[in-house]
Amino acid sequence: MKKILIIGAGWLGLPFAQQLSALKHQVIVTRRSTDSLREVPLAQENKAVLDLANDDAAKKVRAIVDNNAIDIVVGSFPPGFRKGSGEEYAQQWQKIIDGIKDSAVQKVIMVSSTTVYPNQPGEMREDDATLAKANCENALFSDKARVMLQAEQSLLDSGKNFTILRLSGLFGPHRHPARFVPHLKQISSLAPANMLHLDDAINALLFAIHAVDQQVLNVSTPTTVDKATFYQAALESAQLKVDFPPVVAVEDKRIVVDKLLQSGFQFQYQSTLDAL
């Protein structure tokens, strides 16, 4: 049994916590406010308020870690790019690192994103995105990518055992990809649909706890189709009738997961179409 702190009990973090509890691990989850924490269907002793935007966040992290004898810390909180923020994400991760410095924490797992990769077509493997490359090849890496890579670097430099999981586009219960279609200005018939079902995201996190150390790993459904085909299939799966955006022929990146597969991980869904 491990004692695991999950920072961010959201769409991914909460079901992951519930799965860990079912496996008899002791779990503590956090949210930013008392009100939002009330919605979490776990016992009070398994919940804690933690707002990483606060100046005393590092001290709060340390208190939670020490009071609960935490073995593993999992950071599963979004950077907040869609809300117009996100630049604070790297600072928030630094607060976590500062909070666990010289603590008994054995391992840190970061839920990162394939947002880190450069804006160019082709296969993307883990070594294709580093903070050093982003700083040298400014035109290819977005500001969002650099923020995410800075956060990753803080963990790489921490001296703690780590696993960094770069997840592709998440979908699953209450987040069906058909819902995204009305918000898309155009869809490419040449761009791969790099997507990941919630079940495989949770399984990858479980795998990271015991099977991989000191690794940065892509996590994306191994076999996929182009975005136009995927989103058309998503609409049919959801029986949703909406206007389909203009289809363009623009190439884009494909996330390669050979490293994860070679580590022994088995996907529940081998194809993005099977996961719909």
Foldseek 3Di string as FASTA:
>chain_A
DFEEEEEDCDPQNQVLQVVVVVVVYHAAYEDADPVVQVPRPDDPVRYDHADLVDPCRLVVLLCVCVVRVHAEYEYDDDLCVVVVGRLCVLVSLLSNLSSCQVHNHQEYEYEAAPLLAFWDAEEDDPVRGALVVCVVVVVGHDPNNNSRRSSVVSVLPSPHKYEYEHEYAEAEVVRQVLVCFVVDQEFEQAEWRFYDYSVQVSLVVVCRVPQDIPYYFYDTQAAEGGRVVLNVLSCVVVVHDDDGHHYDHDGTYDYHGPVVVVSPDDGPHNYSSVRD
